[in-house]
Amino acid sequence: MRAEVGTIFALSWLITWYGHVLSEFHHVLRLYDFFLASHPRMAVYFAAVIVLHREKEVKQTECDMAMVYHILSQIPQDLPYEELITVLQLNPVL
């Protein structure tokens, strides 16, 4: 089954470079440093790596658009930012 969520859940992530959705200011600064020193699409790639990191959590959620949207739109506070940045640095998508 498919929940048909699309990508709208990540819109606020991308238009604010995650500044509006992260509660820890040092995470925002770290991501801004990373994005400024990287490819112009890196904020989009980072959104993809967040979704891939949370794959099991998403698959365990009821296949309902509202439920999946809610899970995906909330960025966890304990997200391993440095680990995800390293994944993108070691596996260039370009």
C-alpha atoms as a PDB file:
ATOM      1  CA  MET A   1       0.000   0.000   0.000  1.00  0.00           C
ATOM      2  CA  ARG A   2       1.033   3.605  -0.527  1.00  0.00           C
ATOM      3  CA  ALA A   3       0.206   6.560   1.676  1.00  0.00           C
ATOM      4  CA  GLU A   4       0.664   9.082  -1.191  1.00  0.00           C
ATOM      5  CA  VAL A   5       2.325  11.687   1.042  1.00  0.00           C
ATOM      6  CA  GLY A   6       4.456  13.260  -1.655  1.00  0.00           C
ATOM      7  CA  THR A   7       7.172  15.715  -0.653  1.00  0.00           C
ATOM      8  CA  ILE A   8       5.183  18.592   0.848  1.00  0.00           C
ATOM      9  CA  PHE A   9       6.220  17.501   4.367  1.00  0.00           C
ATOM     10  CA  ALA A  10       9.742  18.796   3.650  1.00  0.00           C
ATOM     11  CA  LEU A  11       8.764  22.184   2.201  1.00  0.00           C
ATOM     12  CA  SER A  12       9.485  24.143   5.394  1.00  0.00           C
ATOM     13  CA  TRP A  13      12.793  22.291   5.752  1.00  0.00           C
ATOM     14  CA  LEU A  14      13.996  23.481   2.374  1.00  0.00           C
ATOM     15  CA  ILE A  15      12.672  27.033   2.191  1.00  0.00           C
ATOM     16  CA  THR A  16      14.265  27.875   5.559  1.00  0.00           C
ATOM     17  CA  TRP A  17      17.306  25.581   5.314  1.00  0.00           C
ATOM     18  CA  TYR A  18      15.885  23.789   8.389  1.00  0.00           C
ATOM     19  CA  GLY A  19      16.132  26.961  10.490  1.00  0.00           C
ATOM     20  CA  HIS A  20      12.401  27.010  11.216  1.00  0.00           C
ATOM     21  CA  VAL A  21      12.071  23.344  12.198  1.00  0.00           C
ATOM     22  CA  LEU A  22      15.121  22.664  14.378  1.00  0.00           C
ATOM     23  CA  SER A  23      14.996  23.625  18.040  1.00  0.00           C
ATOM     24  CA  GLU A  24      18.750  23.530  18.685  1.00  0.00           C
ATOM     25  CA  PHE A  25      20.449  26.609  17.239  1.00  0.00           C
ATOM     26  CA  HIS A  26      23.849  24.902  17.027  1.00  0.00           C
ATOM     27  CA  HIS A  27      22.319  22.286  14.686  1.00  0.00           C
ATOM     28  CA  VAL A  28      21.006  25.074  12.461  1.00  0.00           C
ATOM     29  CA  LEU A  29      24.437  26.725  12.373  1.00  0.00           C
ATOM     30  CA  ARG A  30      26.157  23.424  11.579  1.00  0.00           C
ATOM     31  CA  LEU A  31      23.787  22.738   8.715  1.00  0.00           C
ATOM     32  CA  TYR A  32      24.196  26.279   7.358  1.00  0.00           C
ATOM     33  CA  ASP A  33      27.977  25.839   7.382  1.00  0.00           C
ATOM     34  CA  PHE A  34      27.604  22.515   5.594  1.00  0.00           C
ATOM     35  CA  PHE A  35      25.173  23.855   2.979  1.00  0.00           C
ATOM     36  CA  LEU A  36      27.246  26.969   2.244  1.00  0.00           C
ATOM     37  CA  ALA A  37      30.364  24.851   1.700  1.00  0.00           C
ATOM     38  CA  SER A  38      28.580  22.259  -0.461  1.00  0.00           C
ATOM     39  CA  HIS A  39      26.653  21.851  -3.684  1.00  0.00           C
ATOM     40  CA  PRO A  40      23.637  24.195  -4.030  1.00  0.00           C
ATOM     41  CA  ARG A  41      21.248  21.218  -3.815  1.00  0.00           C
ATOM     42  CA  MET A  42      22.724  19.849  -0.590  1.00  0.00           C
ATOM     43  CA  ALA A  43      19.699  20.922   1.490  1.00  0.00           C
ATOM     44  CA  VAL A  44      17.558  18.698  -0.751  1.00  0.00           C
ATOM     45  CA  TYR A  45      20.035  15.824  -0.454  1.00  0.00           C
ATOM     46  CA  PHE A  46      20.016  16.264   3.315  1.00  0.00           C
ATOM     47  CA  ALA A  47      16.212  15.942   3.312  1.00  0.00           C
ATOM     48  CA  ALA A  48      16.584  12.672   1.412  1.00  0.00           C
ATOM     49  CA  VAL A  49      19.143  11.317   3.873  1.00  0.00           C
ATOM     50  CA  ILE A  50      16.831  12.205   6.791  1.00  0.00           C
ATOM     51  CA  VAL A  51      13.985  10.244   5.194  1.00  0.00           C
ATOM     52  CA  LEU A  52      16.284   7.293   4.472  1.00  0.00           C
ATOM     53  CA  HIS A  53      17.571   7.386   8.054  1.00  0.00           C
ATOM     54  CA  ARG A  54      13.980   7.173   9.326  1.00  0.00           C
ATOM     55  CA  GLU A  55      12.905   4.443   6.883  1.00  0.00           C
ATOM     56  CA  LYS A  56      12.078   1.810   9.525  1.00  0.00           C
ATOM     57  CA  GLU A  57      10.034   4.284  11.549  1.00  0.00           C
ATOM     58  CA  VAL A  58       8.049   5.302   8.473  1.00  0.00           C
ATOM     59  CA  LYS A  59       7.442   1.700   7.402  1.00  0.00           C
ATOM     60  CA  GLN A  60       6.143   0.822  10.879  1.00  0.00           C
ATOM     61  CA  THR A  61       3.588   3.640  10.700  1.00  0.00           C
ATOM     62  CA  GLU A  62       0.020   2.937   9.622  1.00  0.00           C
ATOM     63  CA  CYS A  63      -0.334   3.385   5.855  1.00  0.00           C
ATOM     64  CA  ASP A  64      -2.421   6.527   6.144  1.00  0.00           C
ATOM     65  CA  MET A  65      -1.481   9.830   4.516  1.00  0.00           C
ATOM     66  CA  ALA A  66      -2.057  11.887   7.668  1.00  0.00           C
ATOM     67  CA  MET A  67      -0.062   9.507   9.881  1.00  0.00           C
ATOM     68  CA  VAL A  68       2.892   9.257   7.499  1.00  0.00           C
ATOM     69  CA  TYR A  69       2.861  13.028   6.925  1.00  0.00           C
ATOM     70  CA  HIS A  70       2.944  13.626  10.687  1.00  0.00           C
ATOM     71  CA  ILE A  71       5.894  11.253  11.169  1.00  0.00           C
ATOM     72  CA  LEU A  72       7.888  12.695   8.273  1.00  0.00           C
ATOM     73  CA  SER A  73       7.208  16.366   8.979  1.00  0.00           C
ATOM     74  CA  GLN A  74       8.622  16.144  12.515  1.00  0.00           C
ATOM     75  CA  ILE A  75      12.424  16.096  12.637  1.00  0.00           C
ATOM     76  CA  PRO A  76      13.511  14.170  15.744  1.00  0.00           C
ATOM     77  CA  GLN A  77      15.569  16.061  18.314  1.00  0.00           C
ATOM     78  CA  ASP A  78      18.067  13.189  18.523  1.00  0.00           C
ATOM     79  CA  LEU A  79      18.845  13.062  14.812  1.00  0.00           C
ATOM     80  CA  PRO A  80      22.549  12.200  14.307  1.00  0.00           C
ATOM     81  CA  TYR A  81      23.424  15.292  12.263  1.00  0.00           C
ATOM     82  CA  GLU A  82      27.153  14.674  12.003  1.00  0.00           C
ATOM     83  CA  GLU A  83      26.588  11.069  10.956  1.00  0.00           C
ATOM     84  CA  LEU A  84      24.165  12.143   8.229  1.00  0.00           C
ATOM     85  CA  ILE A  85      26.527  14.871   7.024  1.00  0.00           C
ATOM     86  CA  THR A  86      29.312  12.288   6.856  1.00  0.00           C
ATOM     87  CA  VAL A  87      27.085   9.965   4.818  1.00  0.00           C
ATOM     88  CA  LEU A  88      26.568  12.744   2.269  1.00  0.00           C
ATOM     89  CA  GLN A  89      30.256  13.655   2.207  1.00  0.00           C
ATOM     90  CA  LEU A  90      31.359  10.041   1.689  1.00  0.00           C
ATOM     91  CA  ASN A  91      28.653   9.215  -0.852  1.00  0.00           C
ATOM     92  CA  PRO A  92      28.422  12.146  -3.228  1.00  0.00           C
ATOM     93  CA  VAL A  93      25.187  12.123  -5.166  1.00  0.00           C
ATOM     94  CA  LEU A  94      26.520  14.168  -8.054  1.00  0.00           C
END
